[in-house]
Structures are given as structure tokens and as C-alpha cells.
C-alpha atoms as a PDB file:
ATOM      1  CA  MET A   1       3.780   2.913   2.876  1.00  0.00           C
ATOM      2  CA  ALA A   2       3.018  -0.333   4.935  1.00  0.00           C
ATOM      3  CA  PRO A   3       5.481  -2.627   6.949  1.00  0.00           C
ATOM      4  CA  LYS A   4       7.210  -5.031   4.519  1.00  0.00           C
ATOM      5  CA  ARG A   5       8.888  -8.363   5.349  1.00  0.00           C
ATOM      6  CA  GLY A   6      12.150  -9.397   3.271  1.00  0.00           C
ATOM      7  CA  GLY A   7      13.028 -12.612   2.924  1.00  0.00           C
ATOM      8  CA  GLY A   8      17.015 -12.311   2.657  1.00  0.00           C
ATOM      9  CA  GLY A   9      19.995 -10.852   4.397  1.00  0.00           C
ATOM     10  CA  GLY A  10      22.103 -11.958   7.142  1.00  0.00           C
ATOM     11  CA  SER A  11      21.671 -12.049  11.084  1.00  0.00           C
ATOM     12  CA  SER A  12      21.043  -8.936  13.350  1.00  0.00           C
ATOM     13  CA  SER A  13      24.102  -8.844  14.716  1.00  0.00           C
ATOM     14  CA  SER A  14      25.915  -8.061  11.648  1.00  0.00           C
ATOM     15  CA  SER A  15      26.985  -4.520  11.444  1.00  0.00           C
ATOM     16  CA  SER A  16      25.901  -4.369   7.532  1.00  0.00           C
ATOM     17  CA  ILE A  17      24.133  -6.387   5.010  1.00  0.00           C
ATOM     18  CA  SER A  18      26.437  -6.188   2.000  1.00  0.00           C
ATOM     19  CA  SER A  19      28.802  -4.346  -0.143  1.00  0.00           C
ATOM     20  CA  CYS A  20      27.923  -2.438  -3.273  1.00  0.00           C
ATOM     21  CA  PRO A  21      28.915  -5.283  -5.637  1.00  0.00           C
ATOM     22  CA  GLY A  22      26.306  -7.452  -3.835  1.00  0.00           C
ATOM     23  CA  ALA A  23      23.523  -4.874  -3.250  1.00  0.00           C
ATOM     24  CA  PHE A  24      20.282  -5.999  -3.926  1.00  0.00           C
ATOM     25  CA  ALA A  25      21.076  -9.443  -4.406  1.00  0.00           C
ATOM     26  CA  THR A  26      17.528 -11.139  -3.398  1.00  0.00           C
ATOM     27  CA  VAL A  27      14.469 -10.822  -4.977  1.00  0.00           C
ATOM     28  CA  PRO A  28      12.807  -9.374  -1.906  1.00  0.00           C
ATOM     29  CA  GLN A  29      15.636  -6.805  -1.651  1.00  0.00           C
ATOM     30  CA  GLN A  30      14.808  -5.913  -5.384  1.00  0.00           C
ATOM     31  CA  VAL A  31      10.913  -5.905  -5.106  1.00  0.00           C
ATOM     32  CA  PHE A  32      10.691  -3.721  -1.900  1.00  0.00           C
ATOM     33  CA  PHE A  33      13.406  -1.128  -3.367  1.00  0.00           C
ATOM     34  CA  ALA A  34      11.616  -1.081  -6.724  1.00  0.00           C
ATOM     35  CA  ASN A  35       8.242   0.001  -4.648  1.00  0.00           C
ATOM     36  CA  ASP A  36      10.235   2.854  -3.307  1.00  0.00           C
ATOM     37  CA  VAL A  37      11.659   4.056  -6.703  1.00  0.00           C
ATOM     38  CA  VAL A  38       8.250   3.610  -8.747  1.00  0.00           C
ATOM     39  CA  PHE A  39       6.032   5.253  -6.213  1.00  0.00           C
ATOM     40  CA  PHE A  40       8.744   8.171  -5.538  1.00  0.00           C
ATOM     41  CA  ALA A  41       8.643   8.709  -9.653  1.00  0.00           C
ATOM     42  CA  ILE A  42       4.668   8.724  -9.326  1.00  0.00           C
ATOM     43  CA  MET A  43       4.541  11.090  -6.432  1.00  0.00           C
ATOM     44  CA  LEU A  44       7.222  13.200  -8.287  1.00  0.00           C
ATOM     45  CA  GLY A  45       4.831  13.176 -11.326  1.00  0.00           C
ATOM     46  CA  ILE A  46       1.953  14.074  -9.077  1.00  0.00           C
ATOM     47  CA  SER A  47       3.735  16.993  -7.843  1.00  0.00           C
ATOM     48  CA  ILE A  48       4.785  18.314 -11.140  1.00  0.00           C
ATOM     49  CA  ALA A  49       1.124  18.116 -12.286  1.00  0.00           C
ATOM     50  CA  MET A  50       0.050  19.742  -9.237  1.00  0.00           C
ATOM     51  CA  CYS A  51       2.325  22.889  -9.983  1.00  0.00           C
ATOM     52  CA  THR A  52       0.985  22.785 -13.521  1.00  0.00           C
ATOM     53  CA  LEU A  53      -2.669  22.423 -12.321  1.00  0.00           C
ATOM     54  CA  ARG A  54      -2.231  25.468  -9.929  1.00  0.00           C
ATOM     55  CA  LYS A  55      -1.243  27.833 -13.108  1.00  0.00           C
ATOM     56  CA  ARG A  56      -4.640  26.814 -15.068  1.00  0.00           C
ATOM     57  CA  THR A  57      -7.117  26.561 -12.838  1.00  0.00           C
ATOM     58  CA  GLY A  58      -9.354  28.868 -11.518  1.00  0.00           C
ATOM     59  CA  ALA A  59     -11.473  28.561  -8.385  1.00  0.00           C
ATOM     60  CA  GLY A  60     -10.854  24.606  -8.272  1.00  0.00           C
ATOM     61  CA  LYS A  61      -7.034  25.293  -7.448  1.00  0.00           C
ATOM     62  CA  LYS A  62      -8.164  25.909  -3.735  1.00  0.00           C
ATOM     63  CA  LEU A  63      -8.548  22.185  -3.487  1.00  0.00           C
ATOM     64  CA  VAL A  64      -4.692  21.837  -3.980  1.00  0.00           C
ATOM     65  CA  GLY A  65      -3.427  24.732  -1.939  1.00  0.00           C
ATOM     66  CA  ILE A  66      -1.014  24.699   0.760  1.00  0.00           C
ATOM     67  CA  PRO A  67      -2.191  21.148   2.532  1.00  0.00           C
ATOM     68  CA  PHE A  68      -2.266  19.500  -0.562  1.00  0.00           C
ATOM     69  CA  ILE A  69       1.297  20.787  -1.562  1.00  0.00           C
ATOM     70  CA  ALA A  70       2.507  19.971   1.681  1.00  0.00           C
ATOM     71  CA  SER A  71       1.004  16.648   1.606  1.00  0.00           C
ATOM     72  CA  VAL A  72       2.354  15.489  -1.614  1.00  0.00           C
ATOM     73  CA  LEU A  73       6.029  17.115  -0.605  1.00  0.00           C
ATOM     74  CA  CYS A  74       5.909  14.997   2.695  1.00  0.00           C
ATOM     75  CA  LEU A  75       5.302  11.508   0.876  1.00  0.00           C
ATOM     76  CA  VAL A  76       8.022  12.632  -1.962  1.00  0.00           C
ATOM     77  CA  VAL A  77      10.538  13.358   1.029  1.00  0.00           C
ATOM     78  CA  ALA A  78       9.594  10.089   2.802  1.00  0.00           C
ATOM     79  CA  TYR A  79      10.173   8.122  -0.418  1.00  0.00           C
ATOM     80  CA  ALA A  80      13.679   9.783  -1.027  1.00  0.00           C
ATOM     81  CA  CYS A  81      14.614   9.020   2.526  1.00  0.00           C
ATOM     82  CA  SER A  82      13.737   5.422   2.248  1.00  0.00           C
ATOM     83  CA  ILE A  83      15.674   4.929  -0.983  1.00  0.00           C
ATOM     84  CA  VAL A  84      18.974   6.901   0.315  1.00  0.00           C
ATOM     85  CA  ALA A  85      18.840   4.721   3.647  1.00  0.00           C
ATOM     86  CA  THR A  86      18.510   1.435   1.672  1.00  0.00           C
ATOM     87  CA  VAL A  87      21.228   2.504  -0.704  1.00  0.00           C
ATOM     88  CA  LEU A  88      23.555   3.232   2.125  1.00  0.00           C
ATOM     89  CA  GLN A  89      22.693   0.166   3.776  1.00  0.00           C
ATOM     90  CA  GLU A  90      23.522  -2.285   0.934  1.00  0.00           C
ATOM     91  CA  CYS A  91      26.640  -0.662  -0.042  1.00  0.00           C
ATOM     92  CA  GLU A  92      27.584  -1.107   3.990  1.00  0.00           C
ATOM     93  CA  THR A  93      28.124   2.557   4.502  1.00  0.00           C
ATOM     94  CA  THR A  94      26.025   2.632   7.526  1.00  0.00           C
ATOM     95  CA  SER A  95      25.178   0.016   9.770  1.00  0.00           C
ATOM     96  CA  TYR A  96      22.098  -1.939  10.114  1.00  0.00           C
ATOM     97  CA  PHE A  97      20.566  -0.677  13.331  1.00  0.00           C
ATOM     98  CA  SER A  98      21.169   3.000  11.828  1.00  0.00           C
ATOM     99  CA  TYR A  99      18.289   2.665   9.252  1.00  0.00           C
ATOM    100  CA  TYR A 100      16.198   2.870  12.357  1.00  0.00           C
ATOM    101  CA  ASN A 101      17.236   6.600  12.413  1.00  0.00           C
ATOM    102  CA  TRP A 102      16.051   7.228   9.016  1.00  0.00           C
ATOM    103  CA  ALA A 103      12.908   5.117   9.854  1.00  0.00           C
ATOM    104  CA  ILE A 104      11.803   7.913  12.498  1.00  0.00           C
ATOM    105  CA  ALA A 105      12.228  10.554   9.865  1.00  0.00           C
ATOM    106  CA  ILE A 106      10.354   8.808   7.502  1.00  0.00           C
ATOM    107  CA  SER A 107       7.522   8.224  10.043  1.00  0.00           C
ATOM    108  CA  ILE A 108       7.244  11.523  10.947  1.00  0.00           C
ATOM    109  CA  PHE A 109       7.038  12.851   6.881  1.00  0.00           C
ATOM    110  CA  LEU A 110       4.490   9.956   6.127  1.00  0.00           C
ATOM    111  CA  ASN A 111       2.189  10.627   9.008  1.00  0.00           C
ATOM    112  CA  LEU A 112       2.153  14.218   8.533  1.00  0.00           C
ATOM    113  CA  GLY A 113       1.390  13.544   4.774  1.00  0.00           C
ATOM    114  CA  TYR A 114      -1.258  11.489   5.679  1.00  0.00           C
ATOM    115  CA  TRP A 115      -3.082  13.771   8.150  1.00  0.00           C
ATOM    116  CA  LEU A 116      -2.808  16.756   5.511  1.00  0.00           C
ATOM    117  CA  LEU A 117      -4.229  14.228   3.044  1.00  0.00           C
ATOM    118  CA  LEU A 118      -7.382  13.632   5.175  1.00  0.00           C
ATOM    119  CA  PHE A 119      -7.614  17.713   5.785  1.00  0.00           C
ATOM    120  CA  VAL A 120      -7.708  18.007   2.167  1.00  0.00           C
ATOM    121  CA  VAL A 121     -10.393  15.115   1.771  1.00  0.00           C
ATOM    122  CA  VAL A 122     -12.401  16.226   4.973  1.00  0.00           C
ATOM    123  CA  PHE A 123     -12.393  19.702   5.216  1.00  0.00           C
ATOM    124  CA  THR A 124     -11.316  21.457   2.108  1.00  0.00           C
ATOM    125  CA  LEU A 125     -13.309  19.483  -0.729  1.00  0.00           C
ATOM    126  CA  ASN A 126     -16.343  19.706   1.735  1.00  0.00           C
ATOM    127  CA  THR A 127     -16.416  23.347   2.624  1.00  0.00           C
ATOM    128  CA  MET A 128     -15.717  24.099  -1.529  1.00  0.00           C
ATOM    129  CA  LEU A 129     -18.868  21.884  -1.953  1.00  0.00           C
ATOM    130  CA  GLN A 130     -20.895  23.616   0.768  1.00  0.00           C
ATOM    131  CA  ALA A 131     -20.072  26.914  -0.571  1.00  0.00           C
ATOM    132  CA  GLN A 132     -21.806  25.772  -3.819  1.00  0.00           C
ATOM    133  CA  LEU A 133     -25.450  25.824  -1.673  1.00  0.00           C
ATOM    134  CA  SER A 134     -27.061  29.198  -1.257  1.00  0.00           C
ATOM    135  CA  HIS A 135     -27.708  28.164   2.594  1.00  0.00           C
ATOM    136  CA  ALA A 136     -24.317  26.809   3.452  1.00  0.00           C
ATOM    137  CA  SER A 137     -24.344  26.509   7.212  1.00  0.00           C
ATOM    138  CA  ASN A 138     -21.066  27.161   9.372  1.00  0.00           C
ATOM    139  CA  LEU A 139     -22.208  24.152  11.476  1.00  0.00           C
ATOM    140  CA  TYR A 140     -20.561  21.482   8.766  1.00  0.00           C
ATOM    141  CA  LYS A 141     -17.423  23.796   9.085  1.00  0.00           C
ATOM    142  CA  TYR A 142     -17.038  23.411  12.717  1.00  0.00           C
ATOM    143  CA  LEU A 143     -17.547  19.714  12.634  1.00  0.00           C
ATOM    144  CA  LEU A 144     -15.239  19.014   9.873  1.00  0.00           C
ATOM    145  CA  LEU A 145     -12.831  21.214  12.119  1.00  0.00           C
ATOM    146  CA  ALA A 146     -13.274  19.082  15.096  1.00  0.00           C
ATOM    147  CA  VAL A 147     -12.707  16.050  13.139  1.00  0.00           C
ATOM    148  CA  VAL A 148      -9.622  17.087  11.465  1.00  0.00           C
ATOM    149  CA  GLY A 149      -8.392  18.389  15.018  1.00  0.00           C
ATOM    150  CA  LEU A 150      -8.983  15.508  16.514  1.00  0.00           C
ATOM    151  CA  MET A 151      -7.286  13.616  13.932  1.00  0.00           C
ATOM    152  CA  ALA A 152      -4.310  16.014  13.962  1.00  0.00           C
ATOM    153  CA  ALA A 153      -4.040  15.073  17.989  1.00  0.00           C
ATOM    154  CA  LEU A 154      -3.959  11.421  17.367  1.00  0.00           C
ATOM    155  CA  THR A 155      -1.440  12.101  14.540  1.00  0.00           C
ATOM    156  CA  CYS A 156       1.002  13.230  17.004  1.00  0.00           C
ATOM    157  CA  GLY A 157       0.529  10.075  19.233  1.00  0.00           C
ATOM    158  CA  GLN A 158       1.031   8.062  16.270  1.00  0.00           C
ATOM    159  CA  ILE A 159       4.484   9.590  15.477  1.00  0.00           C
ATOM    160  CA  GLY A 160       5.464   9.612  18.789  1.00  0.00           C
ATOM    161  CA  PHE A 161       4.768   5.609  19.467  1.00  0.00           C
ATOM    162  CA  SER A 162       6.477   4.884  16.049  1.00  0.00           C
ATOM    163  CA  SER A 163       9.340   7.461  16.571  1.00  0.00           C
ATOM    164  CA  TYR A 164       9.936   5.493  20.210  1.00  0.00           C
ATOM    165  CA  ILE A 165       9.643   1.929  18.646  1.00  0.00           C
ATOM    166  CA  ASN A 166      12.064   2.740  15.997  1.00  0.00           C
ATOM    167  CA  TRP A 167      14.696   4.644  18.313  1.00  0.00           C
ATOM    168  CA  SER A 168      14.402   1.440  20.706  1.00  0.00           C
ATOM    169  CA  GLN A 169      16.111  -0.554  17.804  1.00  0.00           C
ATOM    170  CA  THR A 170      18.917   2.052  17.462  1.00  0.00           C
ATOM    171  CA  GLU A 171      22.438   1.292  18.801  1.00  0.00           C
ATOM    172  CA  LEU A 172      21.696   3.814  21.560  1.00  0.00           C
ATOM    173  CA  GLY A 173      18.116   2.472  22.187  1.00  0.00           C
ATOM    174  CA  ARG A 174      19.185  -0.937  22.614  1.00  0.00           C
ATOM    175  CA  SER A 175      22.069   0.228  25.246  1.00  0.00           C
ATOM    176  CA  THR A 176      19.185   1.668  27.759  1.00  0.00           C
ATOM    177  CA  ARG A 177      17.765  -0.165  30.379  1.00  0.00           C
ATOM    178  CA  SER A 178      14.195   0.712  28.828  1.00  0.00           C
ATOM    179  CA  TYR A 179      14.786  -1.875  25.618  1.00  0.00           C
ATOM    180  CA  ARG A 180      13.104  -4.598  27.049  1.00  0.00           C
ATOM    181  CA  HIS A 181      10.041  -2.502  28.036  1.00  0.00           C
ATOM    182  CA  VAL A 182       9.200  -1.196  24.989  1.00  0.00           C
ATOM    183  CA  PRO A 183       5.204  -1.120  24.363  1.00  0.00           C
ATOM    184  CA  TYR A 184       5.279  -3.074  20.937  1.00  0.00           C
ATOM    185  CA  LEU A 185       1.512  -4.295  21.522  1.00  0.00           C
ATOM    186  CA  VAL A 186       0.460  -1.150  22.969  1.00  0.00           C
ATOM    187  CA  ALA A 187       1.761   0.720  19.893  1.00  0.00           C
ATOM    188  CA  GLN A 188       0.086  -1.582  17.396  1.00  0.00           C
ATOM    189  CA  GLN A 189      -3.426  -1.216  19.291  1.00  0.00           C
ATOM    190  CA  TYR A 190      -2.872   2.514  19.133  1.00  0.00           C
ATOM    191  CA  ARG A 191      -2.067   2.102  15.298  1.00  0.00           C
ATOM    192  CA  ALA A 192      -5.202   0.065  14.828  1.00  0.00           C
ATOM    193  CA  ALA A 193      -7.521   2.501  16.578  1.00  0.00           C
ATOM    194  CA  PHE A 194      -5.748   5.550  14.536  1.00  0.00           C
ATOM    195  CA  TYR A 195      -6.356   4.003  11.539  1.00  0.00           C
ATOM    196  CA  SER A 196      -9.842   3.110  12.399  1.00  0.00           C
ATOM    197  CA  LEU A 197     -10.764   6.522  13.444  1.00  0.00           C
ATOM    198  CA  TYR A 198      -9.139   7.470  10.026  1.00  0.00           C
ATOM    199  CA  LEU A 199     -11.282   5.444   8.050  1.00  0.00           C
ATOM    200  CA  VAL A 200     -14.693   6.507   9.759  1.00  0.00           C
ATOM    201  CA  SER A 201     -13.187  10.190   8.890  1.00  0.00           C
ATOM    202  CA  VAL A 202     -13.103   9.284   5.256  1.00  0.00           C
ATOM    203  CA  LEU A 203     -16.509   7.321   4.979  1.00  0.00           C
ATOM    204  CA  ALA A 204     -17.999  10.127   6.818  1.00  0.00           C
ATOM    205  CA  SER A 205     -16.478  12.980   4.729  1.00  0.00           C
ATOM    206  CA  GLY A 206     -17.310  11.215   1.512  1.00  0.00           C
ATOM    207  CA  ALA A 207     -21.052  10.774   2.762  1.00  0.00           C
ATOM    208  CA  LEU A 208     -21.420  14.426   3.413  1.00  0.00           C
ATOM    209  CA  ALA A 209     -19.557  15.292   0.019  1.00  0.00           C
ATOM    210  CA  LEU A 210     -22.225  13.114  -1.764  1.00  0.00           C
ATOM    211  CA  LYS A 211     -24.800  14.474   0.050  1.00  0.00           C
ATOM    212  CA  THR A 212     -24.123  17.947  -0.865  1.00  0.00           C
ATOM    213  CA  ILE A 213     -23.353  16.912  -4.497  1.00  0.00           C
ATOM    214  CA  LEU A 214     -26.843  14.998  -4.626  1.00  0.00           C
ATOM    215  CA  SER A 215     -28.496  18.494  -3.395  1.00  0.00           C
ATOM    216  CA  LEU A 216     -26.722  20.298  -6.058  1.00  0.00           C
ATOM    217  CA  ARG A 217     -27.878  17.899  -8.616  1.00  0.00           C
ATOM    218  CA  SER A 218     -31.318  18.468  -7.573  1.00  0.00           C
ATOM    219  CA  ARG A 219     -30.740  22.251  -8.124  1.00  0.00           C
ATOM    220  CA  ARG A 220     -29.091  21.912 -11.344  1.00  0.00           C
ATOM    221  CA  GLY A 221     -25.908  23.155  -9.410  1.00  0.00           C
ATOM    222  CA  PRO A 222     -22.452  23.034 -11.309  1.00  0.00           C
ATOM    223  CA  ALA A 223     -20.807  21.200  -8.600  1.00  0.00           C
ATOM    224  CA  GLY A 224     -23.100  18.008  -9.258  1.00  0.00           C
ATOM    225  CA  ASP A 225     -20.866  16.585 -12.044  1.00  0.00           C
ATOM    226  CA  LEU A 226     -18.489  15.810  -9.666  1.00  0.00           C
ATOM    227  CA  ILE A 227     -20.114  12.797  -8.251  1.00  0.00           C
ATOM    228  CA  GLY A 228     -18.061  10.174 -10.044  1.00  0.00           C
ATOM    229  CA  TRP A 229     -14.853  11.553  -9.156  1.00  0.00           C
ATOM    230  CA  VAL A 230     -15.834  11.973  -5.481  1.00  0.00           C
ATOM    231  CA  ILE A 231     -17.094   8.359  -5.279  1.00  0.00           C
ATOM    232  CA  ALA A 232     -13.567   7.469  -7.018  1.00  0.00           C
ATOM    233  CA  LEU A 233     -11.814   9.283  -4.516  1.00  0.00           C
ATOM    234  CA  THR A 234     -13.466   8.042  -1.581  1.00  0.00           C
ATOM    235  CA  ILE A 235     -12.760   4.406  -2.725  1.00  0.00           C
ATOM    236  CA  SER A 236      -9.260   4.903  -3.328  1.00  0.00           C
ATOM    237  CA  MET A 237      -8.862   6.153   0.305  1.00  0.00           C
ATOM    238  CA  VAL A 238     -10.972   3.666   1.710  1.00  0.00           C
ATOM    239  CA  LEU A 239      -8.751   1.005   0.070  1.00  0.00           C
ATOM    240  CA  TRP A 240      -5.271   2.138   1.257  1.00  0.00           C
ATOM    241  CA  VAL A 241      -6.724   2.667   4.744  1.00  0.00           C
ATOM    242  CA  ILE A 242      -8.029  -0.827   5.005  1.00  0.00           C
ATOM    243  CA  LEU A 243      -5.052  -2.348   3.854  1.00  0.00           C
ATOM    244  CA  MET A 244      -2.988  -0.245   6.814  1.00  0.00           C
ATOM    245  CA  LEU A 245      -5.297  -2.272   8.885  1.00  0.00           C
ATOM    246  CA  VAL A 246      -4.713  -5.377   7.407  1.00  0.00           C
ATOM    247  CA  PHE A 247      -0.965  -5.066   8.344  1.00  0.00           C
ATOM    248  CA  VAL A 248      -1.821  -4.104  12.037  1.00  0.00           C
ATOM    249  CA  ALA A 249      -4.393  -7.320  11.890  1.00  0.00           C
ATOM    250  CA  TRP A 250      -1.283  -9.464  10.818  1.00  0.00           C
ATOM    251  CA  TYR A 251       0.551  -8.178  13.687  1.00  0.00           C
ATOM    252  CA  LEU A 252      -1.537  -8.342  16.338  1.00  0.00           C
ATOM    253  CA  GLN A 253      -2.882 -12.018  15.334  1.00  0.00           C
ATOM    254  CA  ASN A 254       0.949 -13.125  15.192  1.00  0.00           C
ATOM    255  CA  VAL A 255       0.320 -13.769  11.329  1.00  0.00           C
ATOM    256  CA  ASP A 256       3.619 -15.207   9.865  1.00  0.00           C
ATOM    257  CA  TYR A 257       3.072 -13.725   6.667  1.00  0.00           C
ATOM    258  CA  SER A 258       5.642 -14.236   3.523  1.00  0.00           C
ATOM    259  CA  TRP A 259       7.208 -11.360   1.985  1.00  0.00           C
ATOM    260  CA  GLU A 260       5.228 -12.140  -1.175  1.00  0.00           C
ATOM    261  CA  SER A 261       2.107 -11.228   0.866  1.00  0.00           C
ATOM    262  CA  ALA A 262       3.487  -8.080   2.060  1.00  0.00           C
ATOM    263  CA  ALA A 263       4.930  -6.751  -0.966  1.00  0.00           C
ATOM    264  CA  ALA A 264       1.533  -7.382  -2.891  1.00  0.00           C
ATOM    265  CA  VAL A 265      -0.433  -5.641  -0.220  1.00  0.00           C
ATOM    266  CA  ASN A 266       2.179  -2.796  -0.196  1.00  0.00           C
ATOM    267  CA  TYR A 267       2.078  -2.065  -3.925  1.00  0.00           C
ATOM    268  CA  ILE A 268      -1.758  -1.816  -4.046  1.00  0.00           C
ATOM    269  CA  LEU A 269      -1.927   0.052  -0.751  1.00  0.00           C
ATOM    270  CA  ASN A 270       0.790   2.773  -2.025  1.00  0.00           C
ATOM    271  CA  PHE A 271      -1.270   2.350  -5.541  1.00  0.00           C
ATOM    272  CA  GLY A 272      -4.340   3.114  -3.683  1.00  0.00           C
ATOM    273  CA  GLN A 273      -2.411   6.429  -1.891  1.00  0.00           C
ATOM    274  CA  ALA A 274      -1.430   7.638  -5.452  1.00  0.00           C
ATOM    275  CA  LEU A 275      -4.825   7.506  -6.757  1.00  0.00           C
ATOM    276  CA  SER A 276      -6.167   9.430  -4.243  1.00  0.00           C
ATOM    277  CA  TYR A 277      -3.808  12.576  -5.039  1.00  0.00           C
ATOM    278  CA  ILE A 278      -4.367  11.992  -8.896  1.00  0.00           C
ATOM    279  CA  PHE A 279      -8.393  11.930  -8.019  1.00  0.00           C
ATOM    280  CA  ILE A 280      -7.986  15.278  -6.140  1.00  0.00           C
ATOM    281  CA  LEU A 281      -6.176  16.922  -9.000  1.00  0.00           C
ATOM    282  CA  CYS A 282      -8.957  15.687 -11.400  1.00  0.00           C
ATOM    283  CA  ILE A 283     -11.582  17.333  -8.993  1.00  0.00           C
ATOM    284  CA  ALA A 284      -9.885  20.377  -8.860  1.00  0.00           C
ATOM    285  CA  LYS A 285      -9.539  20.809 -12.353  1.00  0.00           C
ATOM    286  CA  HIS A 286     -13.271  19.994 -13.405  1.00  0.00           C
ATOM    287  CA  SER A 287     -15.001  22.642 -15.081  1.00  0.00           C
ATOM    288  CA  ALA A 288     -17.786  22.642 -12.345  1.00  0.00           C
ATOM    289  CA  TRP A 289     -15.862  25.071 -10.182  1.00  0.00           C
ATOM    290  CA  SER A 290     -15.569  27.840 -13.039  1.00  0.00           C
ATOM    291  CA  LYS A 291     -19.470  27.749 -13.777  1.00  0.00           C
ATOM    292  CA  SER A 292     -21.117  30.605 -12.365  1.00  0.00           C
ATOM    293  CA  THR A 293     -24.696  30.329 -13.814  1.00  0.00           C
ATOM    294  CA  VAL A 294     -27.161  27.353 -13.587  1.00  0.00           C
ATOM    295  CA  ALA A 295     -29.105  26.697 -16.754  1.00  0.00           C
ATOM    296  CA  ASP A 296     -32.949  26.112 -16.224  1.00  0.00           C
ATOM    297  CA  PRO A 297     -35.092  24.528 -19.026  1.00  0.00           C
ATOM    298  CA  MET A 298     -37.801  26.595 -17.348  1.00  0.00           C
ATOM    299  CA  SER A 299     -36.566  30.050 -18.133  1.00  0.00           C
ATOM    300  CA  THR A 300     -36.848  28.964 -21.747  1.00  0.00           C
ATOM    301  CA  LEU A 301     -40.550  28.502 -21.493  1.00  0.00           C
ATOM    302  CA  ASP A 302     -40.972  31.595 -19.684  1.00  0.00           C
ATOM    303  CA  ALA A 303     -39.337  33.639 -22.367  1.00  0.00           C
ATOM    304  CA  TYR A 304     -41.241  32.061 -25.017  1.00  0.00           C
ATOM    305  CA  ALA A 305     -44.269  33.144 -22.975  1.00  0.00           C
ATOM    306  CA  GLY A 306     -43.234  36.868 -23.201  1.00  0.00           C
ATOM    307  CA  ALA A 307     -42.068  36.578 -19.518  1.00  0.00           C
ATOM    308  CA  PRO A 308     -38.593  37.831 -18.453  1.00  0.00           C
ATOM    309  CA  PRO A 309     -36.724  34.727 -18.172  1.00  0.00           C
ATOM    310  CA  GLN A 310     -35.516  33.544 -14.427  1.00  0.00           C
ATOM    311  CA  GLN A 311     -31.842  33.952 -13.792  1.00  0.00           C
ATOM    312  CA  HIS A 312     -30.419  31.453 -11.295  1.00  0.00           C
ATOM    313  CA  TYR A 313     -27.301  31.981 -10.143  1.00  0.00           C
ATOM    314  CA  ALA A 314     -24.730  29.650  -7.828  1.00  0.00           C
ATOM    315  CA  ASN A 315     -22.049  30.527  -5.678  1.00  0.00           C
ATOM    316  CA  SER A 316     -18.825  29.352  -7.163  1.00  0.00           C
ATOM    317  CA  ASN A 317     -16.645  30.633  -4.569  1.00  0.00           C
ATOM    318  CA  GLY A 318     -14.854  27.625  -2.677  1.00  0.00           C
ATOM    319  CA  GLN A 319     -13.198  28.097   0.537  1.00  0.00           C
ATOM    320  CA  ALA A 320      -9.631  26.908   0.483  1.00  0.00           C
ATOM    321  CA  TYR A 321      -9.227  27.532   2.657  1.00  0.00           C
ATOM    322  CA  TYR A 322       3.218   6.688   2.309  1.00  0.00           C
ATOM    323  CA  TYR A 323       4.631   2.584   2.239  1.00  0.00           C
ATOM    324  CA  GLN A 324       7.259   1.712   4.338  1.00  0.00           C
ATOM    325  CA  GLN A 325      10.379   0.591   3.717  1.00  0.00           C
ATOM    326  CA  GLN A 326      11.770  -2.197   5.857  1.00  0.00           C
ATOM    327  CA  PRO A 327      15.360  -3.474   6.142  1.00  0.00           C
ATOM    328  CA  VAL A 328      15.679  -7.090   4.834  1.00  0.00           C
ATOM    329  CA  TYR A 329      13.801  -9.157   7.970  1.00  0.00           C
ATOM    330  CA  ASN A 330      16.654 -10.599   9.959  1.00  0.00           C
ATOM    331  CA  GLY A 331      14.592 -11.433  13.087  1.00  0.00           C
ATOM    332  CA  ALA A 332      14.827  -7.760  14.443  1.00  0.00           C
ATOM    333  CA  VAL A 333      11.728  -5.468  15.205  1.00  0.00           C
ATOM    334  CA  ASN A 334      10.579  -4.048  11.578  1.00  0.00           C
ATOM    335  CA  PRO A 335      10.443  -0.168  11.749  1.00  0.00           C
ATOM    336  CA  ILE A 336       7.523   1.601  11.999  1.00  0.00           C
ATOM    337  CA  LYS A 337       6.774   4.321   9.674  1.00  0.00           C
ATOM    338  CA  ALA A 338       3.227   4.912   9.643  1.00  0.00           C
END
């Protein structure tokens, strides 16, 4: 998910937006709410497919283990919270500023989901691919753990900044003396650095995965057939992270973007996230993880020559080991959710 800017609504001093009979009266409200509903349904469908896949998949199901499950659930909960919070606000059940309390929870779930997704892409996938090599080194595993460990620490900082910014916009936060000293600029600069490093991690992970797959292809390893899916996964991850950086750049450069622009980028961003999860499911169910032997055409020649055919074995044991809903723009600070 990413920040969205609405085009309707009243003034920031209003305690509520509208009653249920007039809820979602403007096009921006309808477009952004539809975004939440559509991608909530998509993530729910991914979670169902994940459960089905885990029952049928062999070694590949390690890719959709606990980190992947937790990541999907985090995004499902985040979308659900955003939908509930928006409906309550539109029906005048809660005050405008109370939405920021929901934004804190949504931010926590989103950032945890993003880090868990990175863990699957960077660590789980690469260690499973490395396990296909007969000379797999533990050095790669330690390097990958260092990367995801660093991003875990940075994720905690991202959650802290976004939670504090959102809390400062609640009624309680606005009543404190520190309200006028909230580090909005610092928070966005940190966010820019965070997603820049996230992007570098994804690119490095994709490069390592492709290097491993090319090595397997040269040895006719079973996982060599995964190259297309890994490229697709890397592209989808890069796409949504870059769009996150676009929103940050708009803020830092004080761009007066329209709600149409925000909605378009937001839909594409969420679509990229959904594709990332779908491609991981496709990689997990690939038949390459179930192959235990590697065919070598030279073995047939040896057999015809009267010599015993050479047997080649490939280790197939793997190691297993978003979107932001804004209240309608009315001059107040937008909630930060990721």
C-alpha cells in the first residue's frame, strides 16, 4: 500500500465526515475504498491458494513456510483494518482523528508483512536454490542472514517513525506540546533510505538467485527451469518498491499530486505486491523441487558402449528454513502506513 490523496471531504475541524446514507459520496472515496476491497479479496485468495498448495507440494512447500504465511496474513489483516476503519469513519461512528489510531495498527502489520516477504525472497529462496548445488557454501547463508537482519532492524525504525507520526495526529497527540515538533521531514527521509536499501536487497537477491540457477542449468540441475519465474518475481518486487519511492519523492519534493495520480500509482503498486506473492506460489509448486536425478545424454552413450551408465544426483533438499488507506484529504497530515 502507499499514501493516497482524496479529493473530497470536509474541513479538518469536523469531527466526522458523513453519515452512512451519504457515505462514499465522492469519486476519490469510492476509488480508494474499492482499492482496499479488491486487494483484500486478492490477498484472501492468495491465502486460500497457499493452504491448498502446502497440502499438495513436496519440497517446494518450504518456500511457503511460516514466514510466507505470516506475511500474507499481515497484509490481509492490514486491508481488513483499513476497510473497517474507513466504514466506521464514513458512517460517523468514529471521529476523523480516530482513524490515525487504526493507521498505527495498519502500519505495523504492513511493515512486518513487507519484511517477512523480503525474508522469503532474499533468504528462503536463495538457500533452497543453494541447496541444489553439491558444493553449497554456508557463507551465502550468513550473508543473507546479515541482510535480512539489517532490514529487520531498519523495519523497527520504520514502524517507530510511522507510529509516532500517526499518533501525533490523534486527538491525544495533538493535545501535547510536542505536536508542533513532529519530525515529518526526517521520517520521510528515513523512509526513502529504508526503501532504497529494500530495493538494493531485492536486486542483490535476484542476481544471486539467477547466478545459482545458471550454475544449475550448466550442470543440468533440476532447479534450472526456475529462471523465468525468478526473473518475474524480481521484476514484480522491484516494481512496487520503486513506486513506494515515488510517493516518498513526491513528499520530499513537495509535489502537489492529484488524487488520480495517487490512485493510479497505488493500484499498480498493490498489483505488483500481489504478483510477488503469486510468483512465489508458482515457484514453490514447480516440479523442479521434486526432481532428485539429473538426466545426462552422455550416460546413454556410455550404456551403448558397454560401460555402466554414469549416475548423477542432485540434492533436492531445500532449507526452509501493503497500500495505505488515507482518510479523504482535508488539509491534515496523511497517515503513514508503510
